Amino acid sequence: MAPRDGRGRGRWPLVIAAGAGLVVAAVAVVAAIDVEPRYDDAAVELTARDGVVLATGQGFPEGAAAVVSARLDGGSATAWAPTTPDGTFEVAFRPPDGFSGEVAVSAESGSATAEATVDAPRATAALNGDPIPGVAVVPTTGSPALDTIAADPSGLPIVEVPDSIAADCSSDVTGPLNAWLASVPDGSEIVFGREACYLVDGRLELIDRSNLVIEGNGSTFRAEEEAPAYTNRSQWYLEYGNDLSLRNMTLIGVNPRAEYDAEHEWDHNLFIRGTDTVSIDNVHGQRAYGDFIAIAQGPDDRTIPSDITIRNVSADIVGRMGI
């Protein structure tokens, strides 16, 4: 029976119109869900070979990017792998040198997910070359199982760090080490104490140096004090020069968490500026506010660094970029 008052006559048509709108909206939502692509066949296959773990994905959204993560005891890594028009991708992960054990890899792109595990044999430095041409190789975090990697003899005169410089992180040795480094002639192999610890609250500088090998010998170079805001600091700083090698060392900053901090983004573990022919081997970084390894033009803004080789490295807790 029709309502008798004016308010009733205006209410029923309004309710019916609202109800019709809700029904149409619901149908639209259902239709959108029904047509969303499904990727039930997404899968990732793992192959351990030549010191790396190769992840091959298939059945992922074509022409997109998959977030691929590797996890292992004491380390991890993540990469963004573009997919081909047929929904496949390839990316490889390099465990720390000397690692052996299970590596788990997961991949995700939209609603497509997959994961797998593989037992990786012991990784050795001899295998760390270009094992899979055309495939990106991503190093994982984590300390190496081997604290030093044997290198070919440099043939350079060996100069050992003097015992007068504290090698137990009991005092800041930035000044004494820089003064001593400046006294060592080019064409030398500088050898630090075996598994020593050097407290460096400033930066160790190699400026306009050439033909030097810095043999860390398993030592750690660490900072304890936070640098003032916007200070350009790093445990090691290379500026200009050529033919410099740093190997077998750990660099530790003071960043407590892997978060970007604009006031301290120039506080790196290692900074290379305008230097030619640099080799970084078995160097591991931690707790950098900025980058693990920063590479940039020289202070003149014109000299571009070249021939930089970085291998057997890892980084953990980095505020800005790995490399």
Protein backbone atom coordinates (compact mmCIF):
# COMPACT_ATOMS: atom_id res chain seq x y z
CA MET A 1 0.00 0.00 0.00
CA ALA A 2 1.37 3.43 -0.89
CA PRO A 3 2.44 5.67 1.99
CA ARG A 4 0.14 8.56 2.87
CA ASP A 5 2.64 11.26 3.98
CA GLY A 6 4.97 13.33 1.83
CA ARG A 7 8.09 12.00 3.48
CA GLY A 8 7.13 8.41 2.67
CA ARG A 9 6.58 9.12 -1.02
CA GLY A 10 10.16 10.46 -1.36
CA ARG A 11 11.85 7.66 0.57
CA TRP A 12 10.97 4.49 -1.36
CA PRO A 13 12.24 5.58 -4.78
CA LEU A 14 15.48 6.77 -3.13
CA VAL A 15 16.07 3.41 -1.43
CA ILE A 16 15.37 1.50 -4.63
CA ALA A 17 17.80 3.68 -6.61
CA ALA A 18 20.51 3.23 -4.01
CA GLY A 19 19.95 -0.52 -4.00
CA ALA A 20 20.22 -0.69 -7.77
CA GLY A 21 23.49 1.22 -7.64
CA LEU A 22 24.91 -1.17 -5.06
CA VAL A 23 23.99 -4.17 -7.16
CA VAL A 24 25.68 -2.72 -10.23
CA ALA A 25 28.83 -1.91 -8.24
CA ALA A 26 28.95 -5.41 -6.80
CA VAL A 27 28.65 -6.95 -10.26
CA ALA A 28 31.48 -4.76 -11.50
CA VAL A 29 33.77 -5.85 -8.66
CA VAL A 30 33.00 -9.52 -9.24
CA ALA A 31 33.68 -9.13 -12.95
CA ALA A 32 37.03 -7.50 -12.25
CA ILE A 33 38.06 -10.32 -9.92
CA ASP A 34 36.95 -12.98 -12.38
CA VAL A 35 39.10 -11.60 -15.20
CA GLU A 36 42.31 -11.10 -13.16
CA PRO A 37 45.02 -13.32 -14.63
CA ARG A 38 46.03 -16.33 -12.56
CA TYR A 39 49.54 -17.71 -12.44
CA ASP A 40 49.07 -21.07 -10.82
CA ASP A 41 51.89 -22.52 -12.94
CA ALA A 42 54.54 -20.05 -11.73
CA ALA A 43 57.67 -21.93 -10.70
CA VAL A 44 61.34 -21.33 -9.99
CA GLU A 45 64.06 -23.89 -10.67
CA LEU A 46 67.45 -23.73 -8.94
CA THR A 47 70.79 -24.98 -10.19
CA ALA A 48 73.99 -24.78 -8.12
CA ARG A 49 77.00 -24.48 -10.42
CA ASP A 50 80.32 -22.68 -10.73
CA GLY A 51 80.08 -21.07 -7.29
CA VAL A 52 76.63 -19.54 -7.84
CA VAL A 53 72.98 -20.52 -7.55
CA LEU A 54 71.09 -19.94 -10.80
CA ALA A 55 67.37 -19.22 -10.41
CA THR A 56 65.22 -19.76 -13.51
CA GLY A 57 61.59 -18.65 -13.29
CA GLN A 58 58.70 -19.49 -15.59
CA GLY A 59 54.98 -18.82 -15.65
CA PHE A 60 55.32 -15.24 -14.34
CA PRO A 61 53.61 -12.12 -15.73
CA GLU A 62 55.24 -11.34 -19.03
CA GLY A 63 57.10 -8.07 -19.51
CA ALA A 64 57.05 -7.30 -15.77
CA ALA A 65 59.64 -7.66 -13.01
CA ALA A 66 59.91 -10.40 -10.43
CA VAL A 67 61.29 -9.74 -6.95
CA VAL A 68 63.66 -12.66 -6.37
CA SER A 69 65.15 -13.24 -2.91
CA ALA A 70 67.82 -15.71 -1.80
CA ARG A 71 68.27 -16.80 1.82
CA LEU A 72 71.07 -18.83 3.34
CA ASP A 73 72.60 -19.36 6.76
CA GLY A 74 73.97 -15.96 7.76
CA GLY A 75 73.13 -14.06 4.58
CA SER A 76 70.60 -13.00 1.98
CA ALA A 77 70.14 -11.00 -1.23
CA THR A 78 67.29 -9.60 -3.31
CA ALA A 79 67.17 -8.80 -7.02
CA TRP A 80 64.58 -7.41 -9.44
CA ALA A 81 64.58 -9.65 -12.50
CA PRO A 82 62.75 -8.53 -15.66
CA THR A 83 60.61 -11.20 -17.27
CA THR A 84 60.62 -12.03 -20.96
CA PRO A 85 57.51 -11.96 -23.20
CA ASP A 86 56.98 -15.64 -22.35
CA GLY A 87 57.10 -14.99 -18.58
CA THR A 88 60.57 -16.34 -17.78
CA PHE A 89 63.58 -14.84 -16.01
CA GLU A 90 67.10 -15.78 -14.95
CA VAL A 91 69.20 -14.40 -12.11
CA ALA A 92 72.11 -15.89 -10.16
CA PHE A 93 73.18 -15.46 -6.54
CA ARG A 94 76.74 -15.83 -5.29
CA PRO A 95 77.06 -17.11 -1.68
CA PRO A 96 80.03 -15.92 0.42
CA ASP A 97 83.31 -17.56 -0.43
CA GLY A 98 83.66 -20.93 1.28
CA PHE A 99 79.91 -21.32 1.93
CA SER A 100 78.21 -24.67 1.51
CA GLY A 101 74.65 -25.59 2.47
CA GLU A 102 71.03 -24.94 1.67
CA VAL A 103 69.99 -21.88 -0.33
CA ALA A 104 66.28 -20.98 -0.48
CA VAL A 105 64.99 -18.74 -3.26
CA SER A 106 61.54 -17.17 -3.56
CA ALA A 107 60.11 -15.15 -6.45
CA GLU A 108 57.07 -12.89 -6.59
CA SER A 109 55.45 -10.77 -9.29
CA GLY A 110 51.88 -9.66 -8.74
CA SER A 111 49.85 -12.72 -7.81
CA ALA A 112 52.52 -15.10 -9.11
CA THR A 113 54.71 -16.64 -6.40
CA ALA A 114 57.09 -19.58 -6.25
CA GLU A 115 59.92 -20.86 -4.08
CA ALA A 116 62.51 -23.63 -4.08
CA THR A 117 65.64 -24.77 -2.26
CA VAL A 118 68.93 -26.30 -3.36
CA ASP A 119 72.04 -27.62 -1.63
CA ALA A 120 74.98 -25.55 -2.83
CA PRO A 121 78.46 -27.10 -2.81
CA ARG A 122 81.37 -25.20 -1.31
CA ALA A 123 82.03 -21.97 -3.17
CA THR A 124 85.66 -21.15 -3.85
CA ALA A 125 87.43 -18.09 -5.19
CA ALA A 126 88.67 -20.02 -8.20
CA LEU A 127 85.10 -20.29 -9.42
CA ASN A 128 84.25 -16.62 -9.04
CA GLY A 129 84.51 -15.44 -12.60
CA ASP A 130 81.77 -15.01 -15.19
CA PRO A 131 80.12 -18.45 -14.86
CA ILE A 132 76.91 -17.64 -16.73
CA PRO A 133 77.35 -15.12 -19.55
CA GLY A 134 74.44 -12.74 -19.91
CA VAL A 135 72.99 -13.45 -16.44
CA ALA A 136 73.29 -10.97 -13.58
CA VAL A 137 75.15 -12.40 -10.58
CA VAL A 138 74.11 -10.88 -7.23
CA PRO A 139 76.40 -11.34 -4.20
CA THR A 140 74.69 -12.29 -0.94
CA THR A 141 75.43 -10.77 2.44
CA GLY A 142 77.28 -12.75 5.05
CA SER A 143 80.88 -13.17 6.08
CA PRO A 144 83.05 -15.53 4.08
CA ALA A 145 83.79 -18.96 5.48
CA LEU A 146 87.42 -18.32 4.51
CA ASP A 147 88.78 -15.25 6.29
CA THR A 148 91.38 -14.59 3.60
CA ILE A 149 91.66 -15.51 -0.04
CA ALA A 150 95.06 -16.47 -1.36
CA ALA A 151 96.19 -14.08 -4.06
CA ASP A 152 98.95 -14.30 -6.59
CA PRO A 153 102.15 -12.73 -5.25
CA SER A 154 102.28 -9.06 -6.12
CA GLY A 155 106.06 -9.10 -6.50
CA LEU A 156 106.18 -5.76 -4.69
CA PRO A 157 108.32 -5.04 -1.63
CA ILE A 158 106.35 -5.91 1.52
CA VAL A 159 105.97 -3.27 4.20
CA GLU A 160 104.30 -4.25 7.49
CA VAL A 161 102.32 -1.88 9.69
CA PRO A 162 104.51 -0.97 12.70
CA ASP A 163 103.70 -2.42 16.10
CA SER A 164 103.49 1.09 17.55
CA ILE A 165 100.09 1.54 15.90
CA ALA A 166 97.37 0.03 18.08
CA ALA A 167 95.90 -3.08 16.45
CA ASP A 168 93.24 -3.91 19.04
CA CYS A 169 90.73 -1.05 18.50
CA SER A 170 91.77 0.44 21.84
CA SER A 171 92.36 3.92 20.40
CA ASP A 172 91.67 5.90 17.24
CA VAL A 173 94.58 5.33 14.85
CA THR A 174 93.34 7.45 11.94
CA GLY A 175 96.14 10.01 12.32
CA PRO A 176 99.02 7.59 12.96
CA LEU A 177 97.97 5.27 10.14
CA ASN A 178 97.58 8.09 7.62
CA ALA A 179 100.98 9.52 8.54
CA TRP A 180 102.59 6.09 8.17
CA LEU A 181 100.77 5.31 4.90
CA ALA A 182 102.04 8.58 3.44
CA SER A 183 105.61 7.49 4.27
CA VAL A 184 105.33 4.19 2.36
CA PRO A 185 106.60 4.58 -1.22
CA ASP A 186 104.48 3.74 -4.23
CA GLY A 187 105.15 0.28 -5.57
CA SER A 188 104.71 -1.46 -2.19
CA GLU A 189 102.53 -4.16 -0.66
CA ILE A 190 101.26 -2.93 2.70
CA VAL A 191 100.44 -5.76 5.12
CA PHE A 192 98.28 -5.21 8.20
CA GLY A 193 98.31 -7.37 11.32
CA ARG A 194 96.77 -10.82 11.13
CA GLU A 195 93.08 -10.50 12.14
CA ALA A 196 93.86 -7.21 13.85
CA CYS A 197 91.36 -4.46 14.68
CA TYR A 198 92.01 -0.82 13.77
CA LEU A 199 89.78 1.93 15.16
CA VAL A 200 89.29 4.56 12.44
CA ASP A 201 86.93 7.38 13.36
CA GLY A 202 88.19 9.46 10.44
CA ARG A 203 89.18 7.97 7.09
CA LEU A 204 92.29 6.24 5.77
CA GLU A 205 93.43 8.06 2.63
CA LEU A 206 95.23 7.00 -0.52
CA ILE A 207 95.45 10.22 -2.55
CA ASP A 208 97.36 10.33 -5.84
CA ARG A 209 98.94 6.97 -5.02
CA SER A 210 99.93 4.30 -7.52
CA ASN A 211 100.92 0.64 -7.63
CA LEU A 212 99.94 -0.23 -4.05
CA VAL A 213 98.51 -3.46 -2.61
CA ILE A 214 96.69 -3.10 0.71
CA GLU A 215 96.67 -6.57 2.28
CA GLY A 216 94.19 -6.48 5.15
CA ASN A 217 95.24 -9.96 6.31
CA GLY A 218 91.76 -10.57 7.77
CA SER A 219 91.77 -7.32 9.76
CA THR A 220 88.82 -5.12 10.68
CA PHE A 221 88.70 -1.35 10.24
CA ARG A 222 85.87 0.12 12.26
CA ALA A 223 84.44 3.42 13.41
CA GLU A 224 82.87 4.01 16.81
CA GLU A 225 81.92 7.69 16.71
CA GLU A 226 79.16 9.07 14.50
CA ALA A 227 80.49 11.62 12.01
CA PRO A 228 78.98 15.13 12.00
CA ALA A 229 76.04 15.60 9.64
CA TYR A 230 76.92 15.87 5.93
CA THR A 231 80.52 14.76 6.53
CA ASN A 232 82.21 12.82 3.73
CA ARG A 233 83.76 9.88 5.58
CA SER A 234 84.70 6.28 4.82
CA GLN A 235 86.95 3.69 6.42
CA TRP A 236 89.08 3.80 3.24
CA TYR A 237 89.16 6.74 0.79
CA LEU A 238 90.84 6.58 -2.64
CA GLU A 239 91.28 9.77 -4.66
CA TYR A 240 92.88 9.85 -8.14
CA GLY A 241 95.95 7.63 -8.57
CA ASN A 242 96.01 4.21 -10.25
CA ASP A 243 96.76 0.52 -9.79
CA LEU A 244 95.45 0.17 -6.24
CA SER A 245 94.31 -3.09 -4.64
CA LEU A 246 92.46 -3.64 -1.36
CA ARG A 247 91.82 -7.17 -0.18
CA ASN A 248 90.99 -9.40 2.78
CA MET A 249 89.41 -6.95 5.21
CA THR A 250 86.16 -5.97 6.93
CA LEU A 251 84.95 -2.36 7.12
CA ILE A 252 82.43 -1.39 9.81
CA GLY A 253 80.62 1.91 10.23
CA VAL A 254 78.20 3.06 12.93
CA ASN A 255 74.78 2.86 11.27
CA PRO A 256 72.48 0.85 13.60
CA ARG A 257 69.83 0.01 11.00
CA ALA A 258 69.35 -0.33 7.23
CA GLU A 259 67.49 2.95 6.79
CA TYR A 260 68.28 6.00 4.68
CA ASP A 261 69.55 9.02 6.63
CA ALA A 262 70.00 12.15 4.49
CA GLU A 263 72.28 13.80 7.05
CA HIS A 264 74.76 10.91 6.95
CA GLU A 265 74.44 9.56 3.40
CA TRP A 266 78.11 10.41 2.67
CA ASP A 267 79.38 8.10 5.41
CA HIS A 268 80.55 5.07 3.38
CA ASN A 269 82.67 1.99 4.01
CA LEU A 270 84.85 2.60 0.93
CA PHE A 271 84.92 5.60 -1.42
CA ILE A 272 86.71 5.56 -4.81
CA ARG A 273 87.00 8.98 -6.50
CA GLY A 274 88.55 9.39 -9.93
CA THR A 275 90.94 6.43 -9.54
CA ASP A 276 92.00 4.16 -12.41
CA THR A 277 92.56 0.41 -12.16
CA VAL A 278 91.28 -0.59 -8.74
CA SER A 279 90.85 -4.13 -7.45
CA ILE A 280 88.60 -4.85 -4.44
CA ASP A 281 88.76 -8.50 -3.37
CA ASN A 282 87.30 -10.24 -0.31
CA VAL A 283 86.26 -6.96 1.33
CA HIS A 284 83.15 -7.01 3.52
CA GLY A 285 81.22 -3.98 4.70
CA GLN A 286 78.80 -3.40 7.54
CA ARG A 287 76.75 -0.59 9.05
CA ALA A 288 77.40 2.14 6.47
CA TYR A 289 75.05 5.11 6.55
CA GLY A 290 75.89 5.73 2.90
CA ASP A 291 77.17 3.11 0.46
CA PHE A 292 79.20 -0.01 1.04
CA ILE A 293 81.35 0.99 -1.95
CA ALA A 294 80.83 4.45 -3.48
CA ILE A 295 82.38 5.17 -6.87
CA ALA A 296 82.35 8.71 -8.28
CA GLN A 297 84.23 11.23 -10.39
CA GLY A 298 87.18 13.02 -8.82
CA PRO A 299 86.80 16.22 -6.82
CA ASP A 300 87.37 18.12 -10.08
CA ASP A 301 84.03 16.67 -11.33
CA ARG A 302 85.76 15.65 -14.57
CA THR A 303 88.06 12.69 -13.84
CA ILE A 304 86.00 9.52 -14.26
CA PRO A 305 87.21 6.35 -12.50
CA SER A 306 87.78 3.34 -14.74
CA ASP A 307 88.74 -0.34 -14.68
CA ILE A 308 87.22 -1.06 -11.25
CA THR A 309 87.11 -4.77 -10.33
CA ILE A 310 85.02 -5.85 -7.33
CA ARG A 311 84.78 -9.53 -6.40
CA ASN A 312 84.10 -11.76 -3.39
CA VAL A 313 82.43 -8.95 -1.43
CA SER A 314 79.39 -8.66 0.83
CA ALA A 315 77.59 -5.93 2.74
CA ASP A 316 75.18 -5.92 5.66
CA ILE A 317 73.12 -3.02 7.09
CA VAL A 318 73.60 -0.34 4.43
CA GLY A 319 71.66 2.92 4.58
CA ARG A 320 71.84 3.94 0.93
CA MET A 321 73.31 1.61 -1.72
CA GLY A 322 75.48 -1.46 -1.79
CA ILE A 323 77.67 -0.30 -4.71
